[in-house]
Amino acid sequence: MDQALAWYQSILGFVVEQRFHVPGIPADGAFLRGPGGLRLELWCAVGVMPVPEQRRTPDSDLRTAGTKHMAFSVPDLQRQLAGLVARGVDIAAIQRDRREPVRPDPDPLAPGKPPAFALFLRDPAGTLIELLDQAQLGG
């Protein structure tokens, strides 16, 4: 839980509002507040199974039923991408043209590449999170 909370605070700018423990599960939980008043709840249960491999990549995750991922629009995604890479964030895939699928990119900051329209990153547990460029969305 500590690792997840630190990651969501430092990478996505969330603030921890409340931490709690539910002995009957047993599990720890936390409520976080993000930009624009967004709320997020994280859980860490004893004996939890890891995120399945097919849920760790955008294309295979689309072929699995259930909730897909969170998506956030951010200003200047290309600048954000540079910061994420510099901080060693796990970038799963990048989309540079909205008409094309997302693809893994081993060198996302190489010269000559168009700016990112969207990208998927993974939190410490392997959960996919999408970031979209506000300007390319039209707002």
N, C-alpha and C. Protein backbone atom coordinates (compact mmCIF):
# COMPACT_ATOMS: atom_id res chain seq x y z
N MET A 1 0.83 -1.19 0.00
CA MET A 1 0.00 0.00 0.00
C MET A 1 0.87 1.25 0.00
N ASP A 2 1.91 1.25 0.82
CA ASP A 2 2.79 2.42 0.88
C ASP A 2 3.39 2.74 -0.49
N GLN A 3 3.83 1.70 -1.21
CA GLN A 3 4.41 1.90 -2.54
C GLN A 3 3.38 2.48 -3.50
N ALA A 4 2.17 1.94 -3.48
CA ALA A 4 1.11 2.44 -4.37
C ALA A 4 0.76 3.89 -4.05
N LEU A 5 0.61 4.20 -2.77
CA LEU A 5 0.27 5.58 -2.39
C LEU A 5 1.36 6.55 -2.81
N ALA A 6 2.62 6.19 -2.59
CA ALA A 6 3.72 7.06 -2.99
C ALA A 6 3.70 7.28 -4.50
N TRP A 7 3.44 6.23 -5.28
CA TRP A 7 3.42 6.33 -6.74
C TRP A 7 2.28 7.24 -7.19
N TYR A 8 1.07 7.02 -6.70
CA TYR A 8 -0.07 7.85 -7.13
C TYR A 8 0.11 9.31 -6.72
N GLN A 9 0.80 9.55 -5.63
CA GLN A 9 1.07 10.93 -5.22
C GLN A 9 2.13 11.57 -6.11
N SER A 10 3.25 10.88 -6.29
CA SER A 10 4.36 11.50 -7.02
C SER A 10 4.17 11.51 -8.52
N ILE A 11 3.52 10.50 -9.08
CA ILE A 11 3.38 10.42 -10.54
C ILE A 11 2.10 11.09 -11.04
N LEU A 12 0.98 10.91 -10.34
CA LEU A 12 -0.30 11.44 -10.82
C LEU A 12 -0.84 12.60 -10.00
N GLY A 13 -0.15 12.99 -8.94
CA GLY A 13 -0.53 14.17 -8.18
C GLY A 13 -1.70 13.99 -7.23
N PHE A 14 -2.00 12.76 -6.84
CA PHE A 14 -3.07 12.54 -5.88
C PHE A 14 -2.59 12.85 -4.46
N VAL A 15 -3.55 13.11 -3.58
CA VAL A 15 -3.27 13.37 -2.16
C VAL A 15 -4.06 12.33 -1.36
N VAL A 16 -3.42 11.74 -0.37
CA VAL A 16 -4.12 10.76 0.48
C VAL A 16 -5.05 11.52 1.42
N GLU A 17 -6.34 11.17 1.38
CA GLU A 17 -7.32 11.78 2.27
C GLU A 17 -7.52 10.92 3.52
N GLN A 18 -7.55 9.61 3.33
CA GLN A 18 -7.83 8.73 4.47
C GLN A 18 -7.29 7.34 4.19
N ARG A 19 -6.69 6.74 5.21
CA ARG A 19 -6.28 5.33 5.15
C ARG A 19 -7.10 4.58 6.18
N PHE A 20 -7.40 3.31 5.90
CA PHE A 20 -8.20 2.52 6.83
C PHE A 20 -7.86 1.04 6.68
N HIS A 21 -8.25 0.26 7.67
CA HIS A 21 -8.04 -1.18 7.68
C HIS A 21 -9.38 -1.86 7.91
N VAL A 22 -9.64 -2.93 7.17
CA VAL A 22 -10.86 -3.72 7.33
C VAL A 22 -10.42 -5.11 7.78
N PRO A 23 -10.44 -5.38 9.09
CA PRO A 23 -9.92 -6.65 9.61
C PRO A 23 -10.67 -7.87 9.10
N GLY A 24 -11.95 -7.76 8.80
CA GLY A 24 -12.73 -8.91 8.35
C GLY A 24 -12.34 -9.44 7.00
N ILE A 25 -11.57 -8.70 6.20
CA ILE A 25 -11.20 -9.18 4.86
C ILE A 25 -9.91 -10.01 4.92
N PRO A 26 -8.83 -9.73 5.48
CA PRO A 26 -8.27 -8.46 5.93
C PRO A 26 -7.68 -7.67 4.76
N ALA A 27 -7.83 -6.35 4.84
CA ALA A 27 -7.33 -5.49 3.78
C ALA A 27 -7.12 -4.07 4.29
N ASP A 28 -6.20 -3.38 3.63
CA ASP A 28 -5.99 -1.95 3.87
C ASP A 28 -6.56 -1.20 2.68
N GLY A 29 -7.11 -0.04 2.94
CA GLY A 29 -7.65 0.79 1.88
C GLY A 29 -7.24 2.23 2.08
N ALA A 30 -7.41 3.01 1.03
CA ALA A 30 -7.11 4.44 1.10
C ALA A 30 -7.96 5.18 0.09
N PHE A 31 -8.43 6.36 0.51
CA PHE A 31 -9.10 7.27 -0.39
C PHE A 31 -8.11 8.35 -0.77
N LEU A 32 -8.01 8.63 -2.07
CA LEU A 32 -7.12 9.66 -2.58
C LEU A 32 -7.95 10.70 -3.32
N ARG A 33 -7.48 11.93 -3.30
CA ARG A 33 -8.11 13.03 -4.04
C ARG A 33 -7.13 13.50 -5.09
N GLY A 34 -7.65 13.67 -6.30
CA GLY A 34 -6.80 14.11 -7.40
C GLY A 34 -7.21 15.45 -7.95
N PRO A 35 -6.55 15.88 -9.01
CA PRO A 35 -6.89 17.15 -9.66
C PRO A 35 -8.37 17.19 -10.03
N GLY A 36 -8.98 18.35 -9.85
CA GLY A 36 -10.38 18.54 -10.20
C GLY A 36 -11.35 17.85 -9.26
N GLY A 37 -10.86 17.42 -8.10
CA GLY A 37 -11.74 16.78 -7.13
C GLY A 37 -11.97 15.30 -7.37
N LEU A 38 -11.30 14.71 -8.34
CA LEU A 38 -11.44 13.29 -8.62
C LEU A 38 -11.07 12.48 -7.38
N ARG A 39 -11.84 11.44 -7.11
CA ARG A 39 -11.57 10.56 -5.97
C ARG A 39 -11.19 9.17 -6.49
N LEU A 40 -10.26 8.55 -5.80
CA LEU A 40 -9.78 7.22 -6.16
C LEU A 40 -9.67 6.41 -4.87
N GLU A 41 -10.07 5.16 -4.93
CA GLU A 41 -9.95 4.27 -3.77
C GLU A 41 -9.00 3.14 -4.14
N LEU A 42 -8.00 2.90 -3.31
CA LEU A 42 -7.04 1.82 -3.50
C LEU A 42 -7.22 0.80 -2.40
N TRP A 43 -7.00 -0.48 -2.75
CA TRP A 43 -7.09 -1.57 -1.79
C TRP A 43 -5.84 -2.44 -1.86
N CYS A 44 -5.47 -2.98 -0.73
CA CYS A 44 -4.37 -3.94 -0.65
C CYS A 44 -4.82 -5.03 0.32
N ALA A 45 -5.14 -6.21 -0.21
CA ALA A 45 -5.65 -7.30 0.61
C ALA A 45 -4.59 -8.38 0.79
N VAL A 46 -4.66 -9.07 1.89
CA VAL A 46 -3.75 -10.18 2.15
C VAL A 46 -4.00 -11.27 1.12
N GLY A 47 -2.94 -11.79 0.52
CA GLY A 47 -3.05 -12.88 -0.44
C GLY A 47 -3.62 -12.49 -1.79
N VAL A 48 -3.62 -11.21 -2.10
CA VAL A 48 -4.18 -10.76 -3.38
C VAL A 48 -3.40 -11.36 -4.55
N MET A 49 -4.12 -11.69 -5.62
CA MET A 49 -3.49 -12.22 -6.82
C MET A 49 -2.99 -11.05 -7.67
N PRO A 50 -1.87 -11.21 -8.35
CA PRO A 50 -1.37 -10.12 -9.20
C PRO A 50 -2.27 -9.87 -10.41
N VAL A 51 -2.11 -8.70 -11.01
CA VAL A 51 -2.84 -8.38 -12.24
C VAL A 51 -2.45 -9.42 -13.29
N PRO A 52 -3.43 -10.13 -13.89
CA PRO A 52 -3.11 -11.14 -14.89
C PRO A 52 -2.37 -10.53 -16.09
N GLU A 53 -1.52 -11.30 -16.69
CA GLU A 53 -0.70 -10.82 -17.81
C GLU A 53 -1.55 -10.21 -18.93
N GLN A 54 -2.70 -10.81 -19.25
CA GLN A 54 -3.53 -10.29 -20.34
C GLN A 54 -4.15 -8.94 -20.00
N ARG A 55 -4.15 -8.53 -18.73
CA ARG A 55 -4.68 -7.22 -18.33
C ARG A 55 -3.59 -6.16 -18.28
N ARG A 56 -2.34 -6.53 -18.54
CA ARG A 56 -1.21 -5.61 -18.41
C ARG A 56 -0.85 -4.90 -19.72
N THR A 57 -1.47 -5.27 -20.83
CA THR A 57 -1.22 -4.60 -22.11
C THR A 57 -2.55 -4.14 -22.71
N PRO A 58 -2.59 -2.94 -23.29
CA PRO A 58 -3.86 -2.38 -23.76
C PRO A 58 -4.61 -3.27 -24.75
N ASP A 59 -3.93 -3.83 -25.75
CA ASP A 59 -4.63 -4.62 -26.77
C ASP A 59 -5.25 -5.88 -26.18
N SER A 60 -4.51 -6.62 -25.36
CA SER A 60 -5.08 -7.84 -24.80
C SER A 60 -6.12 -7.52 -23.73
N ASP A 61 -5.98 -6.40 -23.04
CA ASP A 61 -6.96 -6.02 -22.03
C ASP A 61 -8.32 -5.75 -22.67
N LEU A 62 -8.33 -5.21 -23.89
CA LEU A 62 -9.60 -4.96 -24.59
C LEU A 62 -10.33 -6.26 -24.90
N ARG A 63 -9.62 -7.35 -24.92
CA ARG A 63 -10.23 -8.66 -25.22
C ARG A 63 -10.67 -9.40 -23.95
N THR A 64 -10.62 -8.70 -22.82
CA THR A 64 -11.02 -9.27 -21.53
C THR A 64 -12.20 -8.47 -21.00
N ALA A 65 -13.26 -9.17 -20.59
CA ALA A 65 -14.44 -8.48 -20.07
C ALA A 65 -14.11 -7.75 -18.77
N GLY A 66 -14.89 -6.74 -18.46
CA GLY A 66 -14.74 -6.02 -17.20
C GLY A 66 -14.27 -4.60 -17.43
N THR A 67 -14.09 -3.91 -16.32
CA THR A 67 -13.62 -2.53 -16.37
C THR A 67 -12.24 -2.49 -17.01
N LYS A 68 -12.01 -1.54 -17.89
CA LYS A 68 -10.76 -1.48 -18.64
C LYS A 68 -9.66 -0.72 -17.87
N HIS A 69 -9.80 0.57 -17.77
CA HIS A 69 -8.74 1.38 -17.15
C HIS A 69 -9.28 2.78 -16.88
N MET A 70 -8.50 3.53 -16.12
CA MET A 70 -8.80 4.96 -15.92
C MET A 70 -8.10 5.72 -17.03
N ALA A 71 -8.69 6.85 -17.41
CA ALA A 71 -8.04 7.72 -18.39
C ALA A 71 -8.11 9.15 -17.88
N PHE A 72 -7.01 9.87 -18.03
CA PHE A 72 -6.92 11.25 -17.60
C PHE A 72 -6.44 12.09 -18.77
N SER A 73 -7.06 13.24 -18.99
CA SER A 73 -6.52 14.18 -19.97
C SER A 73 -5.55 15.10 -19.25
N VAL A 74 -4.43 15.35 -19.88
CA VAL A 74 -3.38 16.16 -19.27
C VAL A 74 -2.89 17.21 -20.27
N PRO A 75 -2.44 18.35 -19.78
CA PRO A 75 -1.87 19.34 -20.70
C PRO A 75 -0.49 18.88 -21.17
N ASP A 76 -0.20 19.12 -22.42
CA ASP A 76 1.12 18.87 -23.01
C ASP A 76 1.64 17.46 -22.69
N LEU A 77 0.96 16.46 -23.24
CA LEU A 77 1.32 15.07 -22.97
C LEU A 77 2.76 14.76 -23.36
N GLN A 78 3.26 15.36 -24.43
CA GLN A 78 4.64 15.08 -24.85
C GLN A 78 5.62 15.50 -23.76
N ARG A 79 5.39 16.65 -23.14
CA ARG A 79 6.25 17.08 -22.02
C ARG A 79 6.09 16.14 -20.84
N GLN A 80 4.84 15.73 -20.58
CA GLN A 80 4.58 14.77 -19.51
C GLN A 80 5.31 13.45 -19.77
N LEU A 81 5.31 13.01 -21.04
CA LEU A 81 5.99 11.78 -21.42
C LEU A 81 7.47 11.86 -21.08
N ALA A 82 8.10 12.98 -21.40
CA ALA A 82 9.53 13.14 -21.09
C ALA A 82 9.77 13.01 -19.58
N GLY A 83 8.91 13.61 -18.78
CA GLY A 83 9.05 13.51 -17.33
C GLY A 83 8.83 12.10 -16.82
N LEU A 84 7.86 11.39 -17.40
CA LEU A 84 7.59 10.01 -17.00
C LEU A 84 8.77 9.10 -17.32
N VAL A 85 9.33 9.27 -18.52
CA VAL A 85 10.49 8.47 -18.92
C VAL A 85 11.66 8.76 -17.99
N ALA A 86 11.90 10.04 -17.70
CA ALA A 86 13.02 10.42 -16.82
C ALA A 86 12.86 9.82 -15.42
N ARG A 87 11.62 9.61 -14.99
CA ARG A 87 11.36 9.06 -13.65
C ARG A 87 11.27 7.54 -13.65
N GLY A 88 11.45 6.93 -14.80
CA GLY A 88 11.44 5.47 -14.88
C GLY A 88 10.07 4.83 -14.81
N VAL A 89 9.02 5.59 -15.15
CA VAL A 89 7.66 5.05 -15.12
C VAL A 89 7.52 3.99 -16.22
N ASP A 90 6.81 2.93 -15.92
CA ASP A 90 6.59 1.82 -16.86
C ASP A 90 5.57 2.26 -17.92
N ILE A 91 6.07 2.61 -19.11
CA ILE A 91 5.22 3.03 -20.23
C ILE A 91 4.88 1.78 -21.04
N ALA A 92 3.60 1.40 -21.06
CA ALA A 92 3.18 0.17 -21.74
C ALA A 92 3.07 0.37 -23.25
N ALA A 93 2.53 1.51 -23.68
CA ALA A 93 2.30 1.74 -25.11
C ALA A 93 2.00 3.22 -25.34
N ILE A 94 2.23 3.64 -26.59
CA ILE A 94 2.01 5.04 -26.97
C ILE A 94 1.20 5.07 -28.27
N GLN A 95 0.31 6.05 -28.37
CA GLN A 95 -0.45 6.29 -29.58
C GLN A 95 -0.11 7.70 -30.06
N ARG A 96 0.41 7.81 -31.26
CA ARG A 96 0.80 9.12 -31.80
C ARG A 96 -0.23 9.65 -32.79
N ASP A 97 -1.06 8.76 -33.32
CA ASP A 97 -2.12 9.14 -34.25
C ASP A 97 -3.39 8.43 -33.77
N ARG A 98 -4.44 9.18 -33.51
CA ARG A 98 -5.66 8.58 -32.93
C ARG A 98 -6.31 7.55 -33.85
N ARG A 99 -5.92 7.52 -35.13
CA ARG A 99 -6.48 6.53 -36.06
C ARG A 99 -5.70 5.23 -36.04
N GLU A 100 -4.60 5.20 -35.32
CA GLU A 100 -3.75 4.02 -35.23
C GLU A 100 -3.82 3.44 -33.82
N PRO A 101 -3.57 2.14 -33.67
CA PRO A 101 -3.58 1.56 -32.32
C PRO A 101 -2.38 2.00 -31.50
N VAL A 102 -2.50 1.83 -30.19
CA VAL A 102 -1.35 2.08 -29.32
C VAL A 102 -0.32 0.97 -29.57
N ARG A 103 0.95 1.33 -29.40
CA ARG A 103 2.02 0.36 -29.64
C ARG A 103 3.12 0.56 -28.60
N PRO A 104 3.76 -0.52 -28.19
CA PRO A 104 4.94 -0.35 -27.35
C PRO A 104 6.00 0.46 -28.10
N ASP A 105 6.76 1.24 -27.38
CA ASP A 105 7.79 2.08 -28.00
C ASP A 105 9.02 2.08 -27.10
N PRO A 106 10.05 1.32 -27.48
CA PRO A 106 11.23 1.23 -26.62
C PRO A 106 12.03 2.53 -26.51
N ASP A 107 11.81 3.47 -27.44
CA ASP A 107 12.52 4.75 -27.39
C ASP A 107 11.53 5.88 -27.68
N PRO A 108 10.61 6.16 -26.74
CA PRO A 108 9.51 7.10 -27.01
C PRO A 108 9.94 8.54 -27.23
N LEU A 109 11.16 8.89 -26.87
CA LEU A 109 11.60 10.28 -27.02
C LEU A 109 12.58 10.46 -28.18
N ALA A 110 12.72 9.46 -29.04
CA ALA A 110 13.64 9.56 -30.17
C ALA A 110 13.25 10.74 -31.07
N PRO A 111 14.24 11.47 -31.57
CA PRO A 111 13.96 12.62 -32.44
C PRO A 111 13.16 12.20 -33.68
N GLY A 112 12.30 13.11 -34.14
CA GLY A 112 11.55 12.89 -35.36
C GLY A 112 10.21 12.21 -35.18
N LYS A 113 9.91 11.74 -33.99
CA LYS A 113 8.61 11.10 -33.77
C LYS A 113 7.56 12.17 -33.52
N PRO A 114 6.34 11.95 -34.04
CA PRO A 114 5.28 12.90 -33.75
C PRO A 114 4.95 12.89 -32.26
N PRO A 115 4.35 13.96 -31.75
CA PRO A 115 4.01 13.98 -30.33
C PRO A 115 2.97 12.92 -30.00
N ALA A 116 2.96 12.51 -28.76
CA ALA A 116 2.01 11.50 -28.29
C ALA A 116 0.61 12.09 -28.20
N PHE A 117 -0.37 11.34 -28.69
CA PHE A 117 -1.78 11.67 -28.50
C PHE A 117 -2.28 11.02 -27.21
N ALA A 118 -1.83 9.78 -26.97
CA ALA A 118 -2.24 9.02 -25.78
C ALA A 118 -1.11 8.08 -25.41
N LEU A 119 -1.10 7.68 -24.15
CA LEU A 119 -0.16 6.65 -23.72
C LEU A 119 -0.77 5.88 -22.57
N PHE A 120 -0.31 4.66 -22.43
CA PHE A 120 -0.69 3.83 -21.30
C PHE A 120 0.54 3.61 -20.44
N LEU A 121 0.36 3.79 -19.15
CA LEU A 121 1.42 3.47 -18.21
C LEU A 121 0.87 2.46 -17.23
N ARG A 122 1.77 1.87 -16.46
CA ARG A 122 1.35 0.89 -15.45
C ARG A 122 1.73 1.38 -14.07
N ASP A 123 0.80 1.23 -13.13
CA ASP A 123 1.14 1.55 -11.74
C ASP A 123 1.99 0.41 -11.18
N PRO A 124 2.45 0.50 -9.94
CA PRO A 124 3.33 -0.55 -9.41
C PRO A 124 2.73 -1.95 -9.41
N ALA A 125 1.40 -2.07 -9.40
CA ALA A 125 0.76 -3.39 -9.43
C ALA A 125 0.54 -3.90 -10.85
N GLY A 126 0.79 -3.06 -11.86
CA GLY A 126 0.60 -3.45 -13.25
C GLY A 126 -0.72 -2.99 -13.84
N THR A 127 -1.49 -2.20 -13.09
CA THR A 127 -2.77 -1.69 -13.57
C THR A 127 -2.54 -0.63 -14.65
N LEU A 128 -3.25 -0.74 -15.76
CA LEU A 128 -3.12 0.22 -16.85
C LEU A 128 -3.82 1.54 -16.52
N ILE A 129 -3.17 2.63 -16.87
CA ILE A 129 -3.73 3.97 -16.74
C ILE A 129 -3.42 4.69 -18.05
N GLU A 130 -4.43 5.34 -18.63
CA GLU A 130 -4.25 6.05 -19.90
C GLU A 130 -4.14 7.54 -19.64
N LEU A 131 -3.22 8.19 -20.34
CA LEU A 131 -3.10 9.66 -20.34
C LEU A 131 -3.35 10.12 -21.77
N LEU A 132 -4.18 11.16 -21.91
CA LEU A 132 -4.53 11.72 -23.22
C LEU A 132 -4.13 13.18 -23.26
N ASP A 133 -3.69 13.64 -24.42
CA ASP A 133 -3.28 15.04 -24.58
C ASP A 133 -4.51 15.93 -24.70
N GLN A 134 -4.70 16.86 -23.77
CA GLN A 134 -5.88 17.75 -23.76
C GLN A 134 -6.02 18.52 -25.06
N ALA A 135 -4.93 19.07 -25.56
CA ALA A 135 -5.01 19.90 -26.76
C ALA A 135 -5.49 19.10 -27.97
N GLN A 136 -5.05 17.86 -28.09
CA GLN A 136 -5.46 17.03 -29.23
C GLN A 136 -6.88 16.50 -29.07
N LEU A 137 -7.41 16.56 -27.85
CA LEU A 137 -8.81 16.19 -27.61
C LEU A 137 -9.73 17.35 -27.90
N GLY A 138 -9.14 18.54 -28.00
CA GLY A 138 -9.95 19.73 -28.22
C GLY A 138 -10.32 20.43 -26.93
N GLY A 139 -9.49 20.30 -25.92
CA GLY A 139 -9.82 21.00 -24.68
C GLY A 139 -8.94 20.52 -23.61
